[in-house]
Amino acid sequence: MAAPPNVGLAPPEGGPAPIQVIIQTGPAAPVPTAIQAAAPPVGIPVKSKLVAGLLGIFLGFLGIHRFYLGYVGIGIAQVVLTVLGVVTCGISTMAAGVWGLVDGILILTGSIDRDSQNRPLKN
């Protein structure tokens, strides 16, 4: 089967002019320097890596460390797992506890080093 004529070619003489789309954008946003990118906005408290890690180790089964870092959805998931321990004879509560312990260790070792708004945790 042959391709239709003029496919992918310029329009025939005297035919309609091709449509040209121009996308106009505003001025480019200034690129932050390394110092500006590392500094948190004024008035927003910086979260502590030590506090988040210890909360994860000792209260991780309740997801407190995730709430502290701003990850509300994951914190709720850990609370739900803990509450489901009533139905599962504690199995899901133990799973939430191990999850919190691992999270706490990952925070203290620096593998998790940012909060939910991508701000670095302070030491």
PDB file of N, CA and C in Angstrom:
ATOM      1  N   MET A   1       0.858  -1.166   0.000  1.00  0.00           N
ATOM      2  CA  MET A   1       0.000   0.000   0.000  1.00  0.00           C
ATOM      3  C   MET A   1       0.902   1.225   0.000  1.00  0.00           C
ATOM      4  N   ALA A   2       0.658   2.118  -0.906  1.00  0.00           N
ATOM      5  CA  ALA A   2       1.480   3.315  -1.064  1.00  0.00           C
ATOM      6  C   ALA A   2       1.009   4.399  -0.116  1.00  0.00           C
ATOM      7  N   ALA A   3       1.954   5.249   0.296  1.00  0.00           N
ATOM      8  CA  ALA A   3       1.609   6.364   1.180  1.00  0.00           C
ATOM      9  C   ALA A   3       0.832   7.409   0.393  1.00  0.00           C
ATOM     10  N   PRO A   4      -0.104   8.098   1.050  1.00  0.00           N
ATOM     11  CA  PRO A   4      -0.839   9.155   0.352  1.00  0.00           C
ATOM     12  C   PRO A   4       0.127  10.239  -0.104  1.00  0.00           C
ATOM     13  N   PRO A   5      -0.207  10.915  -1.204  1.00  0.00           N
ATOM     14  CA  PRO A   5       0.702  11.951  -1.711  1.00  0.00           C
ATOM     15  C   PRO A   5       0.839  13.106  -0.728  1.00  0.00           C
ATOM     16  N   ASN A   6       1.999  13.722  -0.717  1.00  0.00           N
ATOM     17  CA  ASN A   6       2.300  14.909   0.074  1.00  0.00           C
ATOM     18  C   ASN A   6       2.314  14.668   1.588  1.00  0.00           C
ATOM     19  N   VAL A   7       2.412  13.433   2.049  1.00  0.00           N
ATOM     20  CA  VAL A   7       2.482  13.189   3.484  1.00  0.00           C
ATOM     21  C   VAL A   7       3.888  13.528   3.960  1.00  0.00           C
ATOM     22  N   GLY A   8       3.974  14.443   4.888  1.00  0.00           N
ATOM     23  CA  GLY A   8       5.265  14.842   5.435  1.00  0.00           C
ATOM     24  C   GLY A   8       6.021  15.820   4.566  1.00  0.00           C
ATOM     25  N   LEU A   9       5.410  16.251   3.478  1.00  0.00           N
ATOM     26  CA  LEU A   9       6.071  17.202   2.593  1.00  0.00           C
ATOM     27  C   LEU A   9       5.479  18.582   2.771  1.00  0.00           C
ATOM     28  N   ALA A  10       6.106  19.561   2.171  1.00  0.00           N
ATOM     29  CA  ALA A  10       5.592  20.925   2.213  1.00  0.00           C
ATOM     30  C   ALA A  10       4.251  20.974   1.485  1.00  0.00           C
ATOM     31  N   PRO A  11       3.371  21.922   1.832  1.00  0.00           N
ATOM     32  CA  PRO A  11       2.075  21.990   1.165  1.00  0.00           C
ATOM     33  C   PRO A  11       2.252  22.329  -0.314  1.00  0.00           C
ATOM     34  N   PRO A  12       1.326  21.863  -1.142  1.00  0.00           N
ATOM     35  CA  PRO A  12       1.449  22.145  -2.574  1.00  0.00           C
ATOM     36  C   PRO A  12       1.330  23.637  -2.840  1.00  0.00           C
ATOM     37  N   GLU A  13       1.840  24.058  -3.990  1.00  0.00           N
ATOM     38  CA  GLU A  13       1.788  25.467  -4.387  1.00  0.00           C
ATOM     39  C   GLU A  13       0.353  25.958  -4.352  1.00  0.00           C
ATOM     40  N   GLY A  14       0.147  27.124  -3.739  1.00  0.00           N
ATOM     41  CA  GLY A  14      -1.179  27.721  -3.700  1.00  0.00           C
ATOM     42  C   GLY A  14      -2.073  27.115  -2.627  1.00  0.00           C
ATOM     43  N   GLY A  15      -1.577  26.118  -1.890  1.00  0.00           N
ATOM     44  CA  GLY A  15      -2.377  25.487  -0.836  1.00  0.00           C
ATOM     45  C   GLY A  15      -2.330  26.301   0.438  1.00  0.00           C
ATOM     46  N   PRO A  16      -2.995  25.818   1.480  1.00  0.00           N
ATOM     47  CA  PRO A  16      -3.011  26.561   2.744  1.00  0.00           C
ATOM     48  C   PRO A  16      -1.621  26.594   3.372  1.00  0.00           C
ATOM     49  N   ALA A  17      -1.337  27.665   4.045  1.00  0.00           N
ATOM     50  CA  ALA A  17      -0.048  27.814   4.727  1.00  0.00           C
ATOM     51  C   ALA A  17      -0.031  26.918   5.960  1.00  0.00           C
ATOM     52  N   PRO A  18       1.115  26.360   6.297  1.00  0.00           N
ATOM     53  CA  PRO A  18       1.183  25.511   7.494  1.00  0.00           C
ATOM     54  C   PRO A  18       0.907  26.323   8.756  1.00  0.00           C
ATOM     55  N   ILE A  19       0.336  25.669   9.724  1.00  0.00           N
ATOM     56  CA  ILE A  19       0.021  26.308  10.999  1.00  0.00           C
ATOM     57  C   ILE A  19       1.294  26.343  11.835  1.00  0.00           C
ATOM     58  N   GLN A  20       1.580  27.491  12.394  1.00  0.00           N
ATOM     59  CA  GLN A  20       2.756  27.641  13.227  1.00  0.00           C
ATOM     60  C   GLN A  20       2.296  27.959  14.638  1.00  0.00           C
ATOM     61  N   VAL A  21       2.731  27.163  15.607  1.00  0.00           N
ATOM     62  CA  VAL A  21       2.359  27.355  17.000  1.00  0.00           C
ATOM     63  C   VAL A  21       3.534  27.981  17.732  1.00  0.00           C
ATOM     64  N   ILE A  22       3.273  29.095  18.406  1.00  0.00           N
ATOM     65  CA  ILE A  22       4.307  29.774  19.181  1.00  0.00           C
ATOM     66  C   ILE A  22       3.873  29.759  20.637  1.00  0.00           C
ATOM     67  N   ILE A  23       4.706  29.217  21.473  1.00  0.00           N
ATOM     68  CA  ILE A  23       4.423  29.182  22.910  1.00  0.00           C
ATOM     69  C   ILE A  23       5.277  30.245  23.561  1.00  0.00           C
ATOM     70  N   GLN A  24       4.610  31.179  24.198  1.00  0.00           N
ATOM     71  CA  GLN A  24       5.317  32.278  24.821  1.00  0.00           C
ATOM     72  C   GLN A  24       5.340  32.053  26.329  1.00  0.00           C
ATOM     73  N   THR A  25       6.490  32.176  26.921  1.00  0.00           N
ATOM     74  CA  THR A  25       6.616  32.018  28.368  1.00  0.00           C
ATOM     75  C   THR A  25       7.119  33.317  28.961  1.00  0.00           C
ATOM     76  N   GLY A  26       6.905  33.449  30.249  1.00  0.00           N
ATOM     77  CA  GLY A  26       7.376  34.629  30.960  1.00  0.00           C
ATOM     78  C   GLY A  26       8.871  34.552  31.170  1.00  0.00           C
ATOM     79  N   PRO A  27       9.392  35.526  31.894  1.00  0.00           N
ATOM     80  CA  PRO A  27      10.831  35.507  32.158  1.00  0.00           C
ATOM     81  C   PRO A  27      11.207  34.273  32.969  1.00  0.00           C
ATOM     82  N   ALA A  28      12.367  33.765  32.699  1.00  0.00           N
ATOM     83  CA  ALA A  28      12.834  32.574  33.388  1.00  0.00           C
ATOM     84  C   ALA A  28      13.033  32.871  34.872  1.00  0.00           C
ATOM     85  N   ALA A  29      12.670  31.886  35.701  1.00  0.00           N
ATOM     86  CA  ALA A  29      12.848  32.038  37.143  1.00  0.00           C
ATOM     87  C   ALA A  29      14.339  32.037  37.454  1.00  0.00           C
ATOM     88  N   PRO A  30      14.769  32.844  38.413  1.00  0.00           N
ATOM     89  CA  PRO A  30      16.197  32.858  38.748  1.00  0.00           C
ATOM     90  C   PRO A  30      16.616  31.518  39.347  1.00  0.00           C
ATOM     91  N   VAL A  31      17.771  31.067  38.949  1.00  0.00           N
ATOM     92  CA  VAL A  31      18.306  29.807  39.457  1.00  0.00           C
ATOM     93  C   VAL A  31      18.948  30.070  40.811  1.00  0.00           C
ATOM     94  N   PRO A  32      18.514  29.344  41.873  1.00  0.00           N
ATOM     95  CA  PRO A  32      19.101  29.603  43.191  1.00  0.00           C
ATOM     96  C   PRO A  32      20.550  29.143  43.256  1.00  0.00           C
ATOM     97  N   THR A  33      21.349  29.874  43.981  1.00  0.00           N
ATOM     98  CA  THR A  33      22.732  29.473  44.194  1.00  0.00           C
ATOM     99  C   THR A  33      22.753  28.340  45.209  1.00  0.00           C
ATOM    100  N   ALA A  34      23.904  27.724  45.386  1.00  0.00           N
ATOM    101  CA  ALA A  34      24.020  26.601  46.322  1.00  0.00           C
ATOM    102  C   ALA A  34      23.678  27.037  47.739  1.00  0.00           C
ATOM    103  N   ILE A  35      24.057  28.249  48.123  1.00  0.00           N
ATOM    104  CA  ILE A  35      23.770  28.728  49.473  1.00  0.00           C
ATOM    105  C   ILE A  35      22.276  28.955  49.647  1.00  0.00           C
ATOM    106  N   GLN A  36      21.624  29.534  48.644  1.00  0.00           N
ATOM    107  CA  GLN A  36      20.191  29.770  48.735  1.00  0.00           C
ATOM    108  C   GLN A  36      19.417  28.459  48.745  1.00  0.00           C
ATOM    109  N   ALA A  37      19.864  27.462  47.981  1.00  0.00           N
ATOM    110  CA  ALA A  37      19.156  26.192  47.911  1.00  0.00           C
ATOM    111  C   ALA A  37      19.250  25.440  49.234  1.00  0.00           C
ATOM    112  N   ALA A  38      20.357  25.584  49.956  1.00  0.00           N
ATOM    113  CA  ALA A  38      20.543  24.855  51.205  1.00  0.00           C
ATOM    114  C   ALA A  38      19.825  25.524  52.372  1.00  0.00           C
ATOM    115  N   ALA A  39      19.622  26.815  52.301  1.00  0.00           N
ATOM    116  CA  ALA A  39      18.999  27.537  53.409  1.00  0.00           C
ATOM    117  C   ALA A  39      17.483  27.401  53.339  1.00  0.00           C
ATOM    118  N   PRO A  40      16.843  27.038  54.456  1.00  0.00           N
ATOM    119  CA  PRO A  40      15.386  26.942  54.453  1.00  0.00           C
ATOM    120  C   PRO A  40      14.765  28.335  54.418  1.00  0.00           C
ATOM    121  N   PRO A  41      13.531  28.434  53.946  1.00  0.00           N
ATOM    122  CA  PRO A  41      12.871  29.741  53.948  1.00  0.00           C
ATOM    123  C   PRO A  41      12.750  30.288  55.371  1.00  0.00           C
ATOM    124  N   VAL A  42      12.740  31.592  55.484  1.00  0.00           N
ATOM    125  CA  VAL A  42      12.663  32.237  56.782  1.00  0.00           C
ATOM    126  C   VAL A  42      11.319  31.915  57.433  1.00  0.00           C
ATOM    127  N   GLY A  43      11.340  31.587  58.714  1.00  0.00           N
ATOM    128  CA  GLY A  43      10.120  31.314  59.458  1.00  0.00           C
ATOM    129  C   GLY A  43       9.700  29.861  59.453  1.00  0.00           C
ATOM    130  N   ILE A  44      10.339  29.018  58.651  1.00  0.00           N
ATOM    131  CA  ILE A  44       9.993  27.601  58.614  1.00  0.00           C
ATOM    132  C   ILE A  44      11.062  26.847  59.403  1.00  0.00           C
ATOM    133  N   PRO A  45      10.664  26.159  60.469  1.00  0.00           N
ATOM    134  CA  PRO A  45      11.660  25.472  61.286  1.00  0.00           C
ATOM    135  C   PRO A  45      12.298  24.302  60.541  1.00  0.00           C
ATOM    136  N   VAL A  46      13.569  24.088  60.816  1.00  0.00           N
ATOM    137  CA  VAL A  46      14.305  22.978  60.228  1.00  0.00           C
ATOM    138  C   VAL A  46      14.117  21.765  61.133  1.00  0.00           C
ATOM    139  N   LYS A  47      13.868  20.609  60.536  1.00  0.00           N
ATOM    140  CA  LYS A  47      13.666  19.377  61.310  1.00  0.00           C
ATOM    141  C   LYS A  47      15.020  18.767  61.671  1.00  0.00           C
ATOM    142  N   SER A  48      15.067  18.147  62.825  1.00  0.00           N
ATOM    143  CA  SER A  48      16.299  17.542  63.322  1.00  0.00           C
ATOM    144  C   SER A  48      16.376  16.069  62.940  1.00  0.00           C
ATOM    145  N   LYS A  49      17.544  15.677  62.418  1.00  0.00           N
ATOM    146  CA  LYS A  49      17.769  14.280  62.068  1.00  0.00           C
ATOM    147  C   LYS A  49      17.748  13.402  63.319  1.00  0.00           C
ATOM    148  N   LEU A  50      18.335  13.876  64.411  1.00  0.00           N
ATOM    149  CA  LEU A  50      18.393  13.102  65.647  1.00  0.00           C
ATOM    150  C   LEU A  50      16.995  12.871  66.218  1.00  0.00           C
ATOM    151  N   VAL A  51      16.186  13.922  66.250  1.00  0.00           N
ATOM    152  CA  VAL A  51      14.822  13.791  66.785  1.00  0.00           C
ATOM    153  C   VAL A  51      14.020  12.819  65.928  1.00  0.00           C
ATOM    154  N   ALA A  52      14.091  12.973  64.601  1.00  0.00           N
ATOM    155  CA  ALA A  52      13.334  12.100  63.710  1.00  0.00           C
ATOM    156  C   ALA A  52      13.785  10.645  63.855  1.00  0.00           C
ATOM    157  N   GLY A  53      15.096  10.420  63.950  1.00  0.00           N
ATOM    158  CA  GLY A  53      15.606   9.060  64.097  1.00  0.00           C
ATOM    159  C   GLY A  53      15.189   8.419  65.398  1.00  0.00           C
ATOM    160  N   LEU A  54      15.271   9.159  66.501  1.00  0.00           N
ATOM    161  CA  LEU A  54      14.875   8.605  67.798  1.00  0.00           C
ATOM    162  C   LEU A  54      13.364   8.361  67.858  1.00  0.00           C
ATOM    163  N   LEU A  55      12.587   9.247  67.268  1.00  0.00           N
ATOM    164  CA  LEU A  55      11.144   9.008  67.201  1.00  0.00           C
ATOM    165  C   LEU A  55      10.853   7.742  66.405  1.00  0.00           C
ATOM    166  N   GLY A  56      11.596   7.523  65.320  1.00  0.00           N
ATOM    167  CA  GLY A  56      11.415   6.319  64.524  1.00  0.00           C
ATOM    168  C   GLY A  56      11.768   5.061  65.296  1.00  0.00           C
ATOM    169  N   ILE A  57      12.842   5.104  66.069  1.00  0.00           N
ATOM    170  CA  ILE A  57      13.266   3.916  66.815  1.00  0.00           C
ATOM    171  C   ILE A  57      12.303   3.607  67.958  1.00  0.00           C
ATOM    172  N   PHE A  58      11.900   4.625  68.721  1.00  0.00           N
ATOM    173  CA  PHE A  58      11.103   4.366  69.917  1.00  0.00           C
ATOM    174  C   PHE A  58       9.591   4.421  69.687  1.00  0.00           C
ATOM    175  N   LEU A  59       9.125   5.238  68.760  1.00  0.00           N
ATOM    176  CA  LEU A  59       7.683   5.359  68.510  1.00  0.00           C
ATOM    177  C   LEU A  59       7.347   5.111  67.043  1.00  0.00           C
ATOM    178  N   GLY A  60       8.211   4.407  66.351  1.00  0.00           N
ATOM    179  CA  GLY A  60       8.017   4.168  64.927  1.00  0.00           C
ATOM    180  C   GLY A  60       6.769   3.386  64.598  1.00  0.00           C
ATOM    181  N   PHE A  61       6.329   2.508  65.501  1.00  0.00           N
ATOM    182  CA  PHE A  61       5.119   1.726  65.239  1.00  0.00           C
ATOM    183  C   PHE A  61       3.890   2.619  65.142  1.00  0.00           C
ATOM    184  N   LEU A  62       3.959   3.827  65.681  1.00  0.00           N
ATOM    185  CA  LEU A  62       2.854   4.781  65.579  1.00  0.00           C
ATOM    186  C   LEU A  62       3.049   5.778  64.437  1.00  0.00           C
ATOM    187  N   GLY A  63       4.195   5.725  63.761  1.00  0.00           N
ATOM    188  CA  GLY A  63       4.457   6.621  62.641  1.00  0.00           C
ATOM    189  C   GLY A  63       4.744   8.055  63.046  1.00  0.00           C
ATOM    190  N   ILE A  64       5.071   8.280  64.324  1.00  0.00           N
ATOM    191  CA  ILE A  64       5.294   9.637  64.815  1.00  0.00           C
ATOM    192  C   ILE A  64       6.420  10.330  64.041  1.00  0.00           C
ATOM    193  N   HIS A  65       7.475   9.597  63.713  1.00  0.00           N
ATOM    194  CA  HIS A  65       8.584  10.198  62.980  1.00  0.00           C
ATOM    195  C   HIS A  65       8.153  10.660  61.591  1.00  0.00           C
ATOM    196  N   ARG A  66       7.243   9.934  60.967  1.00  0.00           N
ATOM    197  CA  ARG A  66       6.763  10.325  59.644  1.00  0.00           C
ATOM    198  C   ARG A  66       5.887  11.577  59.735  1.00  0.00           C
ATOM    199  N   PHE A  67       5.059  11.666  60.773  1.00  0.00           N
ATOM    200  CA  PHE A  67       4.278  12.884  60.980  1.00  0.00           C
ATOM    201  C   PHE A  67       5.219  14.065  61.229  1.00  0.00           C
ATOM    202  N   TYR A  68       6.273  13.844  62.008  1.00  0.00           N
ATOM    203  CA  TYR A  68       7.250  14.891  62.316  1.00  0.00           C
ATOM    204  C   TYR A  68       7.907  15.416  61.036  1.00  0.00           C
ATOM    205  N   LEU A  69       8.208  14.514  60.096  1.00  0.00           N
ATOM    206  CA  LEU A  69       8.862  14.920  58.854  1.00  0.00           C
ATOM    207  C   LEU A  69       7.872  15.400  57.793  1.00  0.00           C
ATOM    208  N   GLY A  70       6.577  15.310  58.085  1.00  0.00           N
ATOM    209  CA  GLY A  70       5.567  15.811  57.155  1.00  0.00           C
ATOM    210  C   GLY A  70       4.982  14.772  56.224  1.00  0.00           C
ATOM    211  N   TYR A  71       5.363  13.518  56.356  1.00  0.00           N
ATOM    212  CA  TYR A  71       4.818  12.449  55.526  1.00  0.00           C
ATOM    213  C   TYR A  71       3.565  11.879  56.193  1.00  0.00           C
ATOM    214  N   VAL A  72       2.468  12.612  56.081  1.00  0.00           N
ATOM    215  CA  VAL A  72       1.246  12.262  56.811  1.00  0.00           C
ATOM    216  C   VAL A  72       0.665  10.941  56.320  1.00  0.00           C
ATOM    217  N   GLY A  73       0.662  10.704  55.022  1.00  0.00           N
ATOM    218  CA  GLY A  73       0.082   9.475  54.474  1.00  0.00           C
ATOM    219  C   GLY A  73       0.779   8.225  54.990  1.00  0.00           C
ATOM    220  N   ILE A  74       2.106   8.246  55.013  1.00  0.00           N
ATOM    221  CA  ILE A  74       2.860   7.093  55.507  1.00  0.00           C
ATOM    222  C   ILE A  74       2.650   6.939  57.016  1.00  0.00           C
ATOM    223  N   GLY A  75       2.568   8.061  57.730  1.00  0.00           N
ATOM    224  CA  GLY A  75       2.305   8.005  59.166  1.00  0.00           C
ATOM    225  C   GLY A  75       0.959   7.360  59.459  1.00  0.00           C
ATOM    226  N   ILE A  76      -0.046   7.713  58.678  1.00  0.00           N
ATOM    227  CA  ILE A  76      -1.376   7.113  58.856  1.00  0.00           C
ATOM    228  C   ILE A  76      -1.324   5.621  58.560  1.00  0.00           C
ATOM    229  N   ALA A  77      -0.570   5.219  57.548  1.00  0.00           N
ATOM    230  CA  ALA A  77      -0.433   3.797  57.220  1.00  0.00           C
ATOM    231  C   ALA A  77       0.183   3.030  58.388  1.00  0.00           C
ATOM    232  N   GLN A  78       1.171   3.616  59.062  1.00  0.00           N
ATOM    233  CA  GLN A  78       1.786   2.929  60.197  1.00  0.00           C
ATOM    234  C   GLN A  78       0.825   2.856  61.380  1.00  0.00           C
ATOM    235  N   VAL A  79       0.029   3.893  61.595  1.00  0.00           N
ATOM    236  CA  VAL A  79      -0.971   3.851  62.666  1.00  0.00           C
ATOM    237  C   VAL A  79      -2.010   2.783  62.370  1.00  0.00           C
ATOM    238  N   VAL A  80      -2.450   2.696  61.115  1.00  0.00           N
ATOM    239  CA  VAL A  80      -3.447   1.688  60.736  1.00  0.00           C
ATOM    240  C   VAL A  80      -2.888   0.284  60.952  1.00  0.00           C
ATOM    241  N   LEU A  81      -1.628   0.059  60.586  1.00  0.00           N
ATOM    242  CA  LEU A  81      -1.015  -1.250  60.830  1.00  0.00           C
ATOM    243  C   LEU A  81      -0.997  -1.578  62.317  1.00  0.00           C
ATOM    244  N   THR A  82      -0.697  -0.595  63.141  1.00  0.00           N
ATOM    245  CA  THR A  82      -0.656  -0.820  64.583  1.00  0.00           C
ATOM    246  C   THR A  82      -2.042  -1.173  65.114  1.00  0.00           C
ATOM    247  N   VAL A  83      -3.055  -0.445  64.663  1.00  0.00           N
ATOM    248  CA  VAL A  83      -4.423  -0.709  65.124  1.00  0.00           C
ATOM    249  C   VAL A  83      -4.908  -2.066  64.623  1.00  0.00           C
ATOM    250  N   LEU A  84      -4.508  -2.464  63.418  1.00  0.00           N
ATOM    251  CA  LEU A  84      -4.906  -3.767  62.894  1.00  0.00           C
ATOM    252  C   LEU A  84      -4.300  -4.917  63.702  1.00  0.00           C
ATOM    253  N   GLY A  85      -3.339  -4.610  64.547  1.00  0.00           N
ATOM    254  CA  GLY A  85      -2.746  -5.631  65.398  1.00  0.00           C
ATOM    255  C   GLY A  85      -3.762  -6.293  66.309  1.00  0.00           C
ATOM    256  N   VAL A  86      -4.855  -5.597  66.616  1.00  0.00           N
ATOM    257  CA  VAL A  86      -5.928  -6.185  67.426  1.00  0.00           C
ATOM    258  C   VAL A  86      -6.541  -7.364  66.682  1.00  0.00           C
ATOM    259  N   VAL A  87      -6.693  -7.227  65.378  1.00  0.00           N
ATOM    260  CA  VAL A  87      -7.318  -8.276  64.566  1.00  0.00           C
ATOM    261  C   VAL A  87      -6.315  -9.365  64.204  1.00  0.00           C
ATOM    262  N   THR A  88      -5.065  -8.986  63.989  1.00  0.00           N
ATOM    263  CA  THR A  88      -4.061  -9.944  63.518  1.00  0.00           C
ATOM    264  C   THR A  88      -3.205 -10.506  64.651  1.00  0.00           C
ATOM    265  N   CYS A  89      -3.676 -10.402  65.858  1.00  0.00           N
ATOM    266  CA  CYS A  89      -2.956 -10.916  67.032  1.00  0.00           C
ATOM    267  C   CYS A  89      -1.553 -10.309  67.158  1.00  0.00           C
ATOM    268  N   GLY A  90      -1.408  -9.060  66.785  1.00  0.00           N
ATOM    269  CA  GLY A  90      -0.154  -8.352  66.974  1.00  0.00           C
ATOM    270  C   GLY A  90       0.831  -8.454  65.835  1.00  0.00           C
ATOM    271  N   ILE A  91       0.519  -9.240  64.816  1.00  0.00           N
ATOM    272  CA  ILE A  91       1.474  -9.417  63.717  1.00  0.00           C
ATOM    273  C   ILE A  91       1.695  -8.110  62.973  1.00  0.00           C
ATOM    274  N   SER A  92       0.610  -7.400  62.650  1.00  0.00           N
ATOM    275  CA  SER A  92       0.776  -6.145  61.918  1.00  0.00           C
ATOM    276  C   SER A  92       1.411  -5.067  62.797  1.00  0.00           C
ATOM    277  N   THR A  93       1.172  -5.133  64.107  1.00  0.00           N
ATOM    278  CA  THR A  93       1.823  -4.179  65.005  1.00  0.00           C
ATOM    279  C   THR A  93       3.326  -4.418  65.034  1.00  0.00           C
ATOM    280  N   MET A  94       3.727  -5.686  65.035  1.00  0.00           N
ATOM    281  CA  MET A  94       5.161  -5.989  64.988  1.00  0.00           C
ATOM    282  C   MET A  94       5.761  -5.534  63.657  1.00  0.00           C
ATOM    283  N   ALA A  95       5.015  -5.705  62.578  1.00  0.00           N
ATOM    284  CA  ALA A  95       5.501  -5.253  61.265  1.00  0.00           C
ATOM    285  C   ALA A  95       5.679  -3.735  61.262  1.00  0.00           C
ATOM    286  N   ALA A  96       4.722  -3.012  61.840  1.00  0.00           N
ATOM    287  CA  ALA A  96       4.830  -1.559  61.916  1.00  0.00           C
ATOM    288  C   ALA A  96       6.014  -1.162  62.797  1.00  0.00           C
ATOM    289  N   GLY A  97       6.261  -1.923  63.863  1.00  0.00           N
ATOM    290  CA  GLY A  97       7.400  -1.646  64.742  1.00  0.00           C
ATOM    291  C   GLY A  97       8.727  -1.842  64.038  1.00  0.00           C
ATOM    292  N   VAL A  98       8.845  -2.923  63.270  1.00  0.00           N
ATOM    293  CA  VAL A  98      10.078  -3.172  62.516  1.00  0.00           C
ATOM    294  C   VAL A  98      10.259  -2.093  61.454  1.00  0.00           C
ATOM    295  N   TRP A  99       9.159  -1.723  60.802  1.00  0.00           N
ATOM    296  CA  TRP A  99       9.200  -0.655  59.791  1.00  0.00           C
ATOM    297  C   TRP A  99       9.705   0.650  60.419  1.00  0.00           C
ATOM    298  N   GLY A 100       9.175   1.001  61.586  1.00  0.00           N
ATOM    299  CA  GLY A 100       9.604   2.219  62.267  1.00  0.00           C
ATOM    300  C   GLY A 100      11.055   2.158  62.704  1.00  0.00           C
ATOM    301  N   LEU A 101      11.478   0.996  63.199  1.00  0.00           N
ATOM    302  CA  LEU A 101      12.872   0.823  63.621  1.00  0.00           C
ATOM    303  C   LEU A 101      13.826   1.002  62.440  1.00  0.00           C
ATOM    304  N   VAL A 102      13.495   0.381  61.325  1.00  0.00           N
ATOM    305  CA  VAL A 102      14.330   0.508  60.123  1.00  0.00           C
ATOM    306  C   VAL A 102      14.341   1.958  59.642  1.00  0.00           C
ATOM    307  N   ASP A 103      13.169   2.607  59.642  1.00  0.00           N
ATOM    308  CA  ASP A 103      13.119   4.019  59.268  1.00  0.00           C
ATOM    309  C   ASP A 103      14.012   4.863  60.166  1.00  0.00           C
ATOM    310  N   GLY A 104      13.950   4.623  61.474  1.00  0.00           N
ATOM    311  CA  GLY A 104      14.770   5.383  62.414  1.00  0.00           C
ATOM    312  C   GLY A 104      16.252   5.209  62.147  1.00  0.00           C
ATOM    313  N   ILE A 105      16.661   3.993  61.870  1.00  0.00           N
ATOM    314  CA  ILE A 105      18.070   3.728  61.568  1.00  0.00           C
ATOM    315  C   ILE A 105      18.467   4.399  60.254  1.00  0.00           C
ATOM    316  N   LEU A 106      17.577   4.335  59.248  1.00  0.00           N
ATOM    317  CA  LEU A 106      17.873   4.979  57.968  1.00  0.00           C
ATOM    318  C   LEU A 106      17.990   6.493  58.105  1.00  0.00           C
ATOM    319  N   ILE A 107      17.190   7.069  58.970  1.00  0.00           N
ATOM    320  CA  ILE A 107      17.269   8.515  59.198  1.00  0.00           C
ATOM    321  C   ILE A 107      18.586   8.866  59.877  1.00  0.00           C
ATOM    322  N   LEU A 108      18.951   8.110  60.906  1.00  0.00           N
ATOM    323  CA  LEU A 108      20.183   8.415  61.641  1.00  0.00           C
ATOM    324  C   LEU A 108      21.439   8.182  60.806  1.00  0.00           C
ATOM    325  N   THR A 109      21.395   7.240  59.865  1.00  0.00           N
ATOM    326  CA  THR A 109      22.563   6.995  59.017  1.00  0.00           C
ATOM    327  C   THR A 109      22.622   7.929  57.815  1.00  0.00           C
ATOM    328  N   GLY A 110      21.564   8.692  57.587  1.00  0.00           N
ATOM    329  CA  GLY A 110      21.575   9.671  56.512  1.00  0.00           C
ATOM    330  C   GLY A 110      20.958   9.193  55.212  1.00  0.00           C
ATOM    331  N   SER A 111      20.452   7.964  55.167  1.00  0.00           N
ATOM    332  CA  SER A 111      19.805   7.485  53.944  1.00  0.00           C
ATOM    333  C   SER A 111      18.504   8.233  53.681  1.00  0.00           C
ATOM    334  N   ILE A 112      17.795   8.580  54.740  1.00  0.00           N
ATOM    335  CA  ILE A 112      16.637   9.466  54.637  1.00  0.00           C
ATOM    336  C   ILE A 112      17.115  10.794  55.209  1.00  0.00           C
ATOM    337  N   ASP A 113      17.316  11.784  54.343  1.00  0.00           N
ATOM    338  CA  ASP A 113      17.926  13.030  54.809  1.00  0.00           C
ATOM    339  C   ASP A 113      17.122  14.278  54.467  1.00  0.00           C
ATOM    340  N   ARG A 114      15.864  14.103  54.064  1.00  0.00           N
ATOM    341  CA  ARG A 114      15.029  15.251  53.702  1.00  0.00           C
ATOM    342  C   ARG A 114      13.625  15.068  54.248  1.00  0.00           C
ATOM    343  N   ASP A 115      12.954  16.197  54.512  1.00  0.00           N
ATOM    344  CA  ASP A 115      11.571  16.115  54.966  1.00  0.00           C
ATOM    345  C   ASP A 115      10.645  16.093  53.753  1.00  0.00           C
ATOM    346  N   SER A 116       9.347  16.170  53.994  1.00  0.00           N
ATOM    347  CA  SER A 116       8.373  16.045  52.908  1.00  0.00           C
ATOM    348  C   SER A 116       8.433  17.196  51.922  1.00  0.00           C
ATOM    349  N   GLN A 117       9.001  18.320  52.318  1.00  0.00           N
ATOM    350  CA  GLN A 117       9.109  19.468  51.429  1.00  0.00           C
ATOM    351  C   GLN A 117      10.512  19.589  50.837  1.00  0.00           C
ATOM    352  N   ASN A 118      11.250  18.470  50.885  1.00  0.00           N
ATOM    353  CA  ASN A 118      12.590  18.340  50.300  1.00  0.00           C
ATOM    354  C   ASN A 118      13.612  19.281  50.936  1.00  0.00           C
ATOM    355  N   ARG A 119      13.402  19.628  52.184  1.00  0.00           N
ATOM    356  CA  ARG A 119      14.383  20.431  52.918  1.00  0.00           C
ATOM    357  C   ARG A 119      15.314  19.470  53.659  1.00  0.00           C
ATOM    358  N   PRO A 120      16.608  19.737  53.672  1.00  0.00           N
ATOM    359  CA  PRO A 120      17.534  18.843  54.351  1.00  0.00           C
ATOM    360  C   PRO A 120      17.319  18.864  55.863  1.00  0.00           C
ATOM    361  N   LEU A 121      17.534  17.714  56.497  1.00  0.00           N
ATOM    362  CA  LEU A 121      17.443  17.627  57.956  1.00  0.00           C
ATOM    363  C   LEU A 121      18.735  18.153  58.555  1.00  0.00           C
ATOM    364  N   LYS A 122      18.633  18.867  59.663  1.00  0.00           N
ATOM    365  CA  LYS A 122      19.843  19.362  60.324  1.00  0.00           C
ATOM    366  C   LYS A 122      20.389  18.272  61.226  1.00  0.00           C
ATOM    367  N   ASN A 123      21.701  18.307  61.468  1.00  0.00           N
ATOM    368  CA  ASN A 123      22.349  17.291  62.306  1.00  0.00           C
ATOM    369  C   ASN A 123      22.079  17.505  63.751  1.00  0.00           C
TER     370      ASN A 123
END
